[in-house]
PDB file of N, CA and C in Angstrom:
ATOM      1  N   UNK A   1       0.843  -1.180   0.000  1.00  0.00           N
ATOM      2  CA  UNK A   1       0.000   0.000   0.000  1.00  0.00           C
ATOM      3  C   UNK A   1       0.888   1.244   0.000  1.00  0.00           C
ATOM      4  N   UNK A   2       0.550   2.221  -0.836  1.00  0.00           N
ATOM      5  CA  UNK A   2       1.308   3.449  -0.938  1.00  0.00           C
ATOM      6  C   UNK A   2       0.834   4.420   0.138  1.00  0.00           C
ATOM      7  N   UNK A   3       1.781   4.966   0.888  1.00  0.00           N
ATOM      8  CA  UNK A   3       1.431   5.964   1.903  1.00  0.00           C
ATOM      9  C   UNK A   3       1.192   7.295   1.204  1.00  0.00           C
ATOM     10  N   UNK A   4       0.066   7.931   1.495  1.00  0.00           N
ATOM     11  CA  UNK A   4      -0.275   9.209   0.875  1.00  0.00           C
ATOM     12  C   UNK A   4       0.250  10.358   1.712  1.00  0.00           C
ATOM     13  N   UNK A   5       0.671  11.383   1.022  1.00  0.00           N
ATOM     14  CA  UNK A   5       1.041  12.631   1.679  1.00  0.00           C
ATOM     15  C   UNK A   5      -0.218  13.481   1.723  1.00  0.00           C
ATOM     16  N   UNK A   6      -0.726  13.777   2.914  1.00  0.00           N
ATOM     17  CA  UNK A   6      -1.982  14.502   3.049  1.00  0.00           C
ATOM     18  C   UNK A   6      -1.878  15.952   2.595  1.00  0.00           C
ATOM     19  N   UNK A   7      -0.678  16.436   2.356  1.00  0.00           N
ATOM     20  CA  UNK A   7      -0.522  17.833   1.969  1.00  0.00           C
ATOM     21  C   UNK A   7      -0.285  17.992   0.481  1.00  0.00           C
ATOM     22  N   UNK A   8      -0.625  16.968  -0.279  1.00  0.00           N
ATOM     23  CA  UNK A   8      -0.601  17.067  -1.729  1.00  0.00           C
ATOM     24  C   UNK A   8      -1.953  16.630  -2.243  1.00  0.00           C
ATOM     25  N   UNK A   9      -2.250  17.001  -3.443  1.00  0.00           N
ATOM     26  CA  UNK A   9      -3.536  16.662  -4.038  1.00  0.00           C
ATOM     27  C   UNK A   9      -3.288  16.003  -5.386  1.00  0.00           C
ATOM     28  N   UNK A  10      -3.874  14.860  -5.617  1.00  0.00           N
ATOM     29  CA  UNK A  10      -3.751  14.183  -6.887  1.00  0.00           C
ATOM     30  C   UNK A  10      -4.415  15.045  -7.959  1.00  0.00           C
ATOM     31  N   UNK A  11      -3.647  15.582  -8.888  1.00  0.00           N
ATOM     32  CA  UNK A  11      -4.169  16.512  -9.877  1.00  0.00           C
ATOM     33  C   UNK A  11      -4.423  15.832 -11.229  1.00  0.00           C
ATOM     34  N   UNK A  12      -4.312  14.505 -11.285  1.00  0.00           N
ATOM     35  CA  UNK A  12      -4.550  13.799 -12.531  1.00  0.00           C
ATOM     36  C   UNK A  12      -5.905  14.178 -13.105  1.00  0.00           C
ATOM     37  N   UNK A  13      -5.880  14.791 -14.275  1.00  0.00           N
ATOM     38  CA  UNK A  13      -7.123  15.170 -14.921  1.00  0.00           C
ATOM     39  C   UNK A  13      -7.856  16.292 -14.217  1.00  0.00           C
ATOM     40  N   UNK A  14      -7.290  16.849 -13.170  1.00  0.00           N
ATOM     41  CA  UNK A  14      -7.856  17.969 -12.422  1.00  0.00           C
ATOM     42  C   UNK A  14      -9.133  17.613 -11.661  1.00  0.00           C
ATOM     43  N   UNK A  15      -9.583  16.381 -11.705  1.00  0.00           N
ATOM     44  CA  UNK A  15     -10.847  16.026 -11.071  1.00  0.00           C
ATOM     45  C   UNK A  15     -10.806  16.232  -9.559  1.00  0.00           C
ATOM     46  N   UNK A  16      -9.743  15.792  -8.910  1.00  0.00           N
ATOM     47  CA  UNK A  16      -9.648  15.961  -7.462  1.00  0.00           C
ATOM     48  C   UNK A  16      -9.679  17.435  -7.085  1.00  0.00           C
ATOM     49  N   UNK A  17      -8.934  18.234  -7.825  1.00  0.00           N
ATOM     50  CA  UNK A  17      -8.903  19.679  -7.582  1.00  0.00           C
ATOM     51  C   UNK A  17     -10.296  20.283  -7.745  1.00  0.00           C
ATOM     52  N   UNK A  18     -10.979  19.928  -8.818  1.00  0.00           N
ATOM     53  CA  UNK A  18     -12.319  20.466  -9.072  1.00  0.00           C
ATOM     54  C   UNK A  18     -13.316  20.038  -7.999  1.00  0.00           C
ATOM     55  N   UNK A  19     -13.228  18.802  -7.550  1.00  0.00           N
ATOM     56  CA  UNK A  19     -14.125  18.330  -6.489  1.00  0.00           C
ATOM     57  C   UNK A  19     -13.856  19.114  -5.207  1.00  0.00           C
ATOM     58  N   UNK A  20     -12.590  19.254  -4.845  1.00  0.00           N
ATOM     59  CA  UNK A  20     -12.269  20.032  -3.639  1.00  0.00           C
ATOM     60  C   UNK A  20     -12.772  21.465  -3.767  1.00  0.00           C
ATOM     61  N   UNK A  21     -12.591  22.057  -4.945  1.00  0.00           N
ATOM     62  CA  UNK A  21     -13.055  23.421  -5.171  1.00  0.00           C
ATOM     63  C   UNK A  21     -14.573  23.518  -4.984  1.00  0.00           C
ATOM     64  N   UNK A  22     -15.321  22.603  -5.585  1.00  0.00           N
ATOM     65  CA  UNK A  22     -16.781  22.630  -5.455  1.00  0.00           C
ATOM     66  C   UNK A  22     -17.211  22.450  -4.007  1.00  0.00           C
ATOM     67  N   UNK A  23     -16.556  21.530  -3.303  1.00  0.00           N
ATOM     68  CA  UNK A  23     -16.922  21.280  -1.911  1.00  0.00           C
ATOM     69  C   UNK A  23     -16.521  22.429  -0.995  1.00  0.00           C
ATOM     70  N   UNK A  24     -15.619  23.293  -1.456  1.00  0.00           N
ATOM     71  CA  UNK A  24     -15.273  24.472  -0.657  1.00  0.00           C
ATOM     72  C   UNK A  24     -16.411  25.478  -0.655  1.00  0.00           C
ATOM     73  N   UNK A  25     -17.308  25.371  -1.626  1.00  0.00           N
ATOM     74  CA  UNK A  25     -18.458  26.269  -1.728  1.00  0.00           C
ATOM     75  C   UNK A  25     -19.632  25.783  -0.878  1.00  0.00           C
ATOM     76  N   UNK A  26     -19.867  24.453  -0.889  1.00  0.00           N
ATOM     77  CA  UNK A  26     -20.943  23.866  -0.084  1.00  0.00           C
ATOM     78  C   UNK A  26     -20.812  22.348  -0.086  1.00  0.00           C
ATOM     79  N   UNK A  27     -21.407  21.704   0.892  1.00  0.00           N
ATOM     80  CA  UNK A  27     -21.448  20.245   0.934  1.00  0.00           C
ATOM     81  C   UNK A  27     -22.358  19.745  -0.174  1.00  0.00           C
ATOM     82  N   UNK A  28     -21.993  18.632  -0.778  1.00  0.00           N
ATOM     83  CA  UNK A  28     -22.785  18.072  -1.893  1.00  0.00           C
ATOM     84  C   UNK A  28     -22.726  16.555  -1.861  1.00  0.00           C
ATOM     85  N   UNK A  29     -23.719  15.928  -2.483  1.00  0.00           N
ATOM     86  CA  UNK A  29     -23.641  14.484  -2.696  1.00  0.00           C
ATOM     87  C   UNK A  29     -23.056  14.249  -4.088  1.00  0.00           C
ATOM     88  N   UNK A  30     -22.716  13.011  -4.377  1.00  0.00           N
ATOM     89  CA  UNK A  30     -22.015  12.676  -5.615  1.00  0.00           C
ATOM     90  C   UNK A  30     -22.704  13.157  -6.873  1.00  0.00           C
ATOM     91  N   UNK A  31     -24.016  12.992  -6.951  1.00  0.00           N
ATOM     92  CA  UNK A  31     -24.751  13.412  -8.149  1.00  0.00           C
ATOM     93  C   UNK A  31     -24.719  14.929  -8.309  1.00  0.00           C
ATOM     94  N   UNK A  32     -24.796  15.661  -7.201  1.00  0.00           N
ATOM     95  CA  UNK A  32     -24.695  17.127  -7.268  1.00  0.00           C
ATOM     96  C   UNK A  32     -23.332  17.549  -7.811  1.00  0.00           C
ATOM     97  N   UNK A  33     -22.287  16.872  -7.362  1.00  0.00           N
ATOM     98  CA  UNK A  33     -20.942  17.180  -7.848  1.00  0.00           C
ATOM     99  C   UNK A  33     -20.864  16.922  -9.352  1.00  0.00           C
ATOM    100  N   UNK A  34     -21.364  15.762  -9.788  1.00  0.00           N
ATOM    101  CA  UNK A  34     -21.349  15.433 -11.220  1.00  0.00           C
ATOM    102  C   UNK A  34     -22.143  16.459 -12.024  1.00  0.00           C
ATOM    103  N   UNK A  35     -23.314  16.837 -11.527  1.00  0.00           N
ATOM    104  CA  UNK A  35     -24.137  17.828 -12.235  1.00  0.00           C
ATOM    105  C   UNK A  35     -23.432  19.181 -12.337  1.00  0.00           C
ATOM    106  N   UNK A  36     -22.817  19.597 -11.244  1.00  0.00           N
ATOM    107  CA  UNK A  36     -22.118  20.894 -11.240  1.00  0.00           C
ATOM    108  C   UNK A  36     -20.919  20.870 -12.177  1.00  0.00           C
ATOM    109  N   UNK A  37     -20.187  19.777 -12.193  1.00  0.00           N
ATOM    110  CA  UNK A  37     -19.069  19.646 -13.130  1.00  0.00           C
ATOM    111  C   UNK A  37     -19.577  19.662 -14.566  1.00  0.00           C
ATOM    112  N   UNK A  38     -20.704  19.012 -14.786  1.00  0.00           N
ATOM    113  CA  UNK A  38     -21.306  19.027 -16.126  1.00  0.00           C
ATOM    114  C   UNK A  38     -21.671  20.430 -16.571  1.00  0.00           C
ATOM    115  N   UNK A  39     -22.239  21.223 -15.664  1.00  0.00           N
ATOM    116  CA  UNK A  39     -22.595  22.607 -15.991  1.00  0.00           C
ATOM    117  C   UNK A  39     -21.349  23.446 -16.283  1.00  0.00           C
ATOM    118  N   UNK A  40     -20.330  23.264 -15.493  1.00  0.00           N
ATOM    119  CA  UNK A  40     -19.130  24.097 -15.602  1.00  0.00           C
ATOM    120  C   UNK A  40     -18.209  23.664 -16.732  1.00  0.00           C
ATOM    121  N   UNK A  41     -18.116  22.375 -16.984  1.00  0.00           N
ATOM    122  CA  UNK A  41     -17.145  21.857 -17.943  1.00  0.00           C
ATOM    123  C   UNK A  41     -17.769  21.322 -19.226  1.00  0.00           C
ATOM    124  N   UNK A  42     -19.096  21.231 -19.273  1.00  0.00           N
ATOM    125  CA  UNK A  42     -19.756  20.778 -20.488  1.00  0.00           C
ATOM    126  C   UNK A  42     -19.903  19.273 -20.606  1.00  0.00           C
ATOM    127  N   UNK A  43     -19.208  18.527 -19.778  1.00  0.00           N
ATOM    128  CA  UNK A  43     -19.294  17.064 -19.801  1.00  0.00           C
ATOM    129  C   UNK A  43     -19.525  16.585 -18.381  1.00  0.00           C
ATOM    130  N   UNK A  44     -20.614  15.849 -18.191  1.00  0.00           N
ATOM    131  CA  UNK A  44     -20.941  15.333 -16.861  1.00  0.00           C
ATOM    132  C   UNK A  44     -20.205  14.015 -16.650  1.00  0.00           C
ATOM    133  N   UNK A  45     -19.347  13.955 -15.631  1.00  0.00           N
ATOM    134  CA  UNK A  45     -18.629  12.706 -15.371  1.00  0.00           C
ATOM    135  C   UNK A  45     -19.574  11.597 -14.897  1.00  0.00           C
ATOM    136  N   UNK A  46     -19.222  10.379 -15.203  1.00  0.00           N
ATOM    137  CA  UNK A  46     -20.036   9.224 -14.809  1.00  0.00           C
ATOM    138  C   UNK A  46     -19.798   8.890 -13.337  1.00  0.00           C
ATOM    139  N   UNK A  47     -20.715   8.126 -12.740  1.00  0.00           N
ATOM    140  CA  UNK A  47     -20.491   7.670 -11.368  1.00  0.00           C
ATOM    141  C   UNK A  47     -19.183   6.886 -11.220  1.00  0.00           C
ATOM    142  N   UNK A  48     -18.797   6.168 -12.275  1.00  0.00           N
ATOM    143  CA  UNK A  48     -17.551   5.402 -12.257  1.00  0.00           C
ATOM    144  C   UNK A  48     -16.316   6.286 -12.242  1.00  0.00           C
ATOM    145  N   UNK A  49     -16.498   7.570 -12.520  1.00  0.00           N
ATOM    146  CA  UNK A  49     -15.402   8.538 -12.442  1.00  0.00           C
ATOM    147  C   UNK A  49     -15.457   9.291 -11.126  1.00  0.00           C
ATOM    148  N   UNK A  50     -16.646   9.732 -10.733  1.00  0.00           N
ATOM    149  CA  UNK A  50     -16.815  10.556  -9.526  1.00  0.00           C
ATOM    150  C   UNK A  50     -16.539   9.775  -8.245  1.00  0.00           C
ATOM    151  N   UNK A  51     -17.160   8.606  -8.100  1.00  0.00           N
ATOM    152  CA  UNK A  51     -17.085   7.915  -6.816  1.00  0.00           C
ATOM    153  C   UNK A  51     -15.695   7.374  -6.471  1.00  0.00           C
ATOM    154  N   UNK A  52     -14.905   6.872  -7.416  1.00  0.00           N
ATOM    155  CA  UNK A  52     -13.528   6.520  -7.053  1.00  0.00           C
ATOM    156  C   UNK A  52     -12.704   7.747  -6.611  1.00  0.00           C
ATOM    157  N   UNK A  53     -12.938   8.894  -7.246  1.00  0.00           N
ATOM    158  CA  UNK A  53     -12.237  10.120  -6.838  1.00  0.00           C
ATOM    159  C   UNK A  53     -12.660  10.519  -5.427  1.00  0.00           C
ATOM    160  N   UNK A  54     -13.955  10.446  -5.133  1.00  0.00           N
ATOM    161  CA  UNK A  54     -14.439  10.764  -3.785  1.00  0.00           C
ATOM    162  C   UNK A  54     -13.856   9.798  -2.754  1.00  0.00           C
ATOM    163  N   UNK A  55     -13.785   8.522  -3.118  1.00  0.00           N
ATOM    164  CA  UNK A  55     -13.219   7.528  -2.204  1.00  0.00           C
ATOM    165  C   UNK A  55     -11.759   7.853  -1.894  1.00  0.00           C
ATOM    166  N   UNK A  56     -10.998   8.209  -2.924  1.00  0.00           N
ATOM    167  CA  UNK A  56      -9.590   8.555  -2.722  1.00  0.00           C
ATOM    168  C   UNK A  56      -9.420   9.793  -1.859  1.00  0.00           C
ATOM    169  N   UNK A  57     -10.246  10.810  -2.113  1.00  0.00           N
ATOM    170  CA  UNK A  57     -10.174  12.038  -1.301  1.00  0.00           C
ATOM    171  C   UNK A  57     -10.562  11.756   0.149  1.00  0.00           C
ATOM    172  N   UNK A  58     -11.545  10.873   0.343  1.00  0.00           N
ATOM    173  CA  UNK A  58     -11.970  10.497   1.695  1.00  0.00           C
ATOM    174  C   UNK A  58     -10.860   9.719   2.404  1.00  0.00           C
ATOM    175  N   UNK A  59     -10.245   8.779   1.699  1.00  0.00           N
ATOM    176  CA  UNK A  59      -9.154   7.990   2.297  1.00  0.00           C
ATOM    177  C   UNK A  59      -7.964   8.888   2.651  1.00  0.00           C
ATOM    178  N   UNK A  60      -7.761   9.947   1.872  1.00  0.00           N
ATOM    179  CA  UNK A  60      -6.666  10.886   2.137  1.00  0.00           C
ATOM    180  C   UNK A  60      -7.041  11.895   3.224  1.00  0.00           C
ATOM    181  N   UNK A  61      -8.253  11.768   3.727  1.00  0.00           N
ATOM    182  CA  UNK A  61      -8.760  12.650   4.797  1.00  0.00           C
ATOM    183  C   UNK A  61      -8.921  14.102   4.355  1.00  0.00           C
ATOM    184  N   UNK A  62      -9.128  14.294   3.044  1.00  0.00           N
ATOM    185  CA  UNK A  62      -9.345  15.633   2.510  1.00  0.00           C
ATOM    186  C   UNK A  62     -10.818  16.005   2.525  1.00  0.00           C
ATOM    187  N   UNK A  63     -11.682  14.986   2.515  1.00  0.00           N
ATOM    188  CA  UNK A  63     -13.121  15.201   2.610  1.00  0.00           C
ATOM    189  C   UNK A  63     -13.676  14.240   3.649  1.00  0.00           C
ATOM    190  N   UNK A  64     -14.892  14.537   4.109  1.00  0.00           N
ATOM    191  CA  UNK A  64     -15.568  13.614   5.028  1.00  0.00           C
ATOM    192  C   UNK A  64     -16.972  13.364   4.510  1.00  0.00           C
ATOM    193  N   UNK A  65     -17.519  12.251   4.918  1.00  0.00           N
ATOM    194  CA  UNK A  65     -18.872  11.854   4.529  1.00  0.00           C
ATOM    195  C   UNK A  65     -19.824  12.088   5.695  1.00  0.00           C
ATOM    196  N   UNK A  66     -21.026  12.567   5.358  1.00  0.00           N
ATOM    197  CA  UNK A  66     -22.103  12.676   6.338  1.00  0.00           C
ATOM    198  C   UNK A  66     -23.301  11.959   5.726  1.00  0.00           C
ATOM    199  N   UNK A  67     -23.767  10.901   6.396  1.00  0.00           N
ATOM    200  CA  UNK A  67     -24.883  10.110   5.873  1.00  0.00           C
ATOM    201  C   UNK A  67     -26.187  10.573   6.485  1.00  0.00           C
ATOM    202  N   UNK A  68     -27.189  10.693   5.612  1.00  0.00           N
ATOM    203  CA  UNK A  68     -28.546  11.022   6.035  1.00  0.00           C
ATOM    204  C   UNK A  68     -29.473  10.102   5.247  1.00  0.00           C
ATOM    205  N   UNK A  69     -29.875   9.009   5.876  1.00  0.00           N
ATOM    206  CA  UNK A  69     -30.653   8.008   5.154  1.00  0.00           C
ATOM    207  C   UNK A  69     -29.775   7.369   4.089  1.00  0.00           C
ATOM    208  N   UNK A  70     -30.239   7.411   2.841  1.00  0.00           N
ATOM    209  CA  UNK A  70     -29.479   6.834   1.733  1.00  0.00           C
ATOM    210  C   UNK A  70     -28.527   7.839   1.094  1.00  0.00           C
ATOM    211  N   UNK A  71     -28.614   9.091   1.501  1.00  0.00           N
ATOM    212  CA  UNK A  71     -27.809  10.147   0.875  1.00  0.00           C
ATOM    213  C   UNK A  71     -26.522  10.370   1.669  1.00  0.00           C
ATOM    214  N   UNK A  72     -25.409  10.402   0.940  1.00  0.00           N
ATOM    215  CA  UNK A  72     -24.114  10.717   1.538  1.00  0.00           C
ATOM    216  C   UNK A  72     -23.674  12.066   0.982  1.00  0.00           C
ATOM    217  N   UNK A  73     -23.494  13.015   1.885  1.00  0.00           N
ATOM    218  CA  UNK A  73     -22.983  14.326   1.486  1.00  0.00           C
ATOM    219  C   UNK A  73     -21.512  14.386   1.854  1.00  0.00           C
ATOM    220  N   UNK A  74     -20.770  15.088   1.014  1.00  0.00           N
ATOM    221  CA  UNK A  74     -19.336  15.235   1.202  1.00  0.00           C
ATOM    222  C   UNK A  74     -19.024  16.689   1.519  1.00  0.00           C
ATOM    223  N   UNK A  75     -18.030  16.893   2.385  1.00  0.00           N
ATOM    224  CA  UNK A  75     -17.578  18.239   2.712  1.00  0.00           C
ATOM    225  C   UNK A  75     -16.076  18.196   2.972  1.00  0.00           C
ATOM    226  N   UNK A  76     -15.447  19.351   2.912  1.00  0.00           N
ATOM    227  CA  UNK A  76     -14.006  19.431   3.141  1.00  0.00           C
ATOM    228  C   UNK A  76     -13.675  19.272   4.618  1.00  0.00           C
ATOM    229  N   UNK A  77     -12.571  18.643   4.885  1.00  0.00           N
ATOM    230  CA  UNK A  77     -12.011  18.595   6.235  1.00  0.00           C
ATOM    231  C   UNK A  77     -11.059  19.782   6.366  1.00  0.00           C
ATOM    232  N   UNK A  78     -10.594  20.076   7.575  1.00  0.00           N
ATOM    233  CA  UNK A  78      -9.586  21.136   7.708  1.00  0.00           C
ATOM    234  C   UNK A  78      -8.335  20.867   6.853  1.00  0.00           C
ATOM    235  N   UNK A  79      -7.920  19.598   6.792  1.00  0.00           N
ATOM    236  CA  UNK A  79      -6.772  19.254   5.934  1.00  0.00           C
ATOM    237  C   UNK A  79      -7.120  19.522   4.471  1.00  0.00           C
ATOM    238  N   UNK A  80      -8.335  19.160   4.063  1.00  0.00           N
ATOM    239  CA  UNK A  80      -8.776  19.404   2.688  1.00  0.00           C
ATOM    240  C   UNK A  80      -8.759  20.886   2.335  1.00  0.00           C
ATOM    241  N   UNK A  81      -9.148  21.724   3.283  1.00  0.00           N
ATOM    242  CA  UNK A  81      -9.121  23.178   3.051  1.00  0.00           C
ATOM    243  C   UNK A  81      -7.693  23.662   2.842  1.00  0.00           C
ATOM    244  N   UNK A  82      -6.769  23.157   3.654  1.00  0.00           N
ATOM    245  CA  UNK A  82      -5.359  23.559   3.499  1.00  0.00           C
ATOM    246  C   UNK A  82      -4.795  23.059   2.171  1.00  0.00           C
ATOM    247  N   UNK A  83      -5.099  21.820   1.833  1.00  0.00           N
ATOM    248  CA  UNK A  83      -4.604  21.254   0.576  1.00  0.00           C
ATOM    249  C   UNK A  83      -5.171  22.032  -0.611  1.00  0.00           C
ATOM    250  N   UNK A  84      -6.435  22.397  -0.555  1.00  0.00           N
ATOM    251  CA  UNK A  84      -7.030  23.172  -1.645  1.00  0.00           C
ATOM    252  C   UNK A  84      -6.343  24.525  -1.776  1.00  0.00           C
ATOM    253  N   UNK A  85      -6.058  25.189  -0.674  1.00  0.00           N
ATOM    254  CA  UNK A  85      -5.379  26.490  -0.727  1.00  0.00           C
ATOM    255  C   UNK A  85      -4.003  26.344  -1.389  1.00  0.00           C
ATOM    256  N   UNK A  86      -3.279  25.293  -1.033  1.00  0.00           N
ATOM    257  CA  UNK A  86      -1.965  25.039  -1.639  1.00  0.00           C
ATOM    258  C   UNK A  86      -2.123  24.735  -3.122  1.00  0.00           C
ATOM    259  N   UNK A  87      -3.099  23.893  -3.467  1.00  0.00           N
ATOM    260  CA  UNK A  87      -3.327  23.514  -4.863  1.00  0.00           C
ATOM    261  C   UNK A  87      -3.722  24.724  -5.703  1.00  0.00           C
ATOM    262  N   UNK A  88      -4.525  25.639  -5.154  1.00  0.00           N
ATOM    263  CA  UNK A  88      -4.900  26.856  -5.883  1.00  0.00           C
ATOM    264  C   UNK A  88      -3.670  27.698  -6.197  1.00  0.00           C
ATOM    265  N   UNK A  89      -2.796  27.861  -5.198  1.00  0.00           N
ATOM    266  CA  UNK A  89      -1.568  28.636  -5.425  1.00  0.00           C
ATOM    267  C   UNK A  89      -0.707  27.985  -6.506  1.00  0.00           C
ATOM    268  N   UNK A  90      -0.533  26.670  -6.421  1.00  0.00           N
ATOM    269  CA  UNK A  90       0.278  25.962  -7.416  1.00  0.00           C
ATOM    270  C   UNK A  90      -0.348  26.055  -8.802  1.00  0.00           C
ATOM    271  N   UNK A  91      -1.674  25.949  -8.855  1.00  0.00           N
ATOM    272  CA  UNK A  91      -2.381  26.049 -10.126  1.00  0.00           C
ATOM    273  C   UNK A  91      -2.126  27.421 -10.755  1.00  0.00           C
ATOM    274  N   UNK A  92      -2.262  28.473  -9.964  1.00  0.00           N
ATOM    275  CA  UNK A  92      -2.041  29.834 -10.473  1.00  0.00           C
ATOM    276  C   UNK A  92      -0.600  30.023 -10.920  1.00  0.00           C
ATOM    277  N   UNK A  93       0.349  29.542 -10.132  1.00  0.00           N
ATOM    278  CA  UNK A  93       1.759  29.655 -10.508  1.00  0.00           C
ATOM    279  C   UNK A  93       2.033  28.928 -11.820  1.00  0.00           C
ATOM    280  N   UNK A  94       1.445  27.759 -11.968  1.00  0.00           N
ATOM    281  CA  UNK A  94       1.690  26.933 -13.140  1.00  0.00           C
ATOM    282  C   UNK A  94       1.080  27.518 -14.410  1.00  0.00           C
ATOM    283  N   UNK A  95      -0.130  28.071 -14.284  1.00  0.00           N
ATOM    284  CA  UNK A  95      -0.854  28.465 -15.483  1.00  0.00           C
ATOM    285  C   UNK A  95      -0.885  29.964 -15.768  1.00  0.00           C
ATOM    286  N   UNK A  96      -0.256  30.761 -14.938  1.00  0.00           N
ATOM    287  CA  UNK A  96      -0.249  32.212 -15.193  1.00  0.00           C
ATOM    288  C   UNK A  96       0.438  32.523 -16.532  1.00  0.00           C
ATOM    289  N   UNK A  97       1.492  31.786 -16.882  1.00  0.00           N
ATOM    290  CA  UNK A  97       2.169  32.000 -18.140  1.00  0.00           C
ATOM    291  C   UNK A  97       1.301  31.630 -19.342  1.00  0.00           C
ATOM    292  N   UNK A  98       0.415  30.681 -19.161  1.00  0.00           N
ATOM    293  CA  UNK A  98      -0.452  30.234 -20.254  1.00  0.00           C
ATOM    294  C   UNK A  98      -1.453  31.339 -20.602  1.00  0.00           C
ATOM    295  N   UNK A  99      -1.915  32.054 -19.597  1.00  0.00           N
ATOM    296  CA  UNK A  99      -2.915  33.088 -19.797  1.00  0.00           C
ATOM    297  C   UNK A  99      -2.330  34.291 -20.549  1.00  0.00           C
ATOM    298  N   UNK A 100      -1.100  34.637 -20.241  1.00  0.00           N
ATOM    299  CA  UNK A 100      -0.477  35.835 -20.817  1.00  0.00           C
ATOM    300  C   UNK A 100      -0.214  35.729 -22.296  1.00  0.00           C
TER     301      UNK A 100
END
């Protein structure tokens, strides 16, 4: 098993970053996240894409689950908030040259 560094964020395909960003705005369940990504990016990710990403973020302690009946809502943990802040800075540093 690979030990995860809780102060980094898996940026493969930007999905983890986008999920953390959305959850920084409000708690959501998986379908809400998929719908919001669909609105923002034009392509709605499948459950087979969203739920493994949520599982990884949860295992990394970046998000937490709150169950209410059959619905599971996800929200950022304090570690997730710090990781998102770091990821935003790195994202801006990386892509500022692309914008210019």
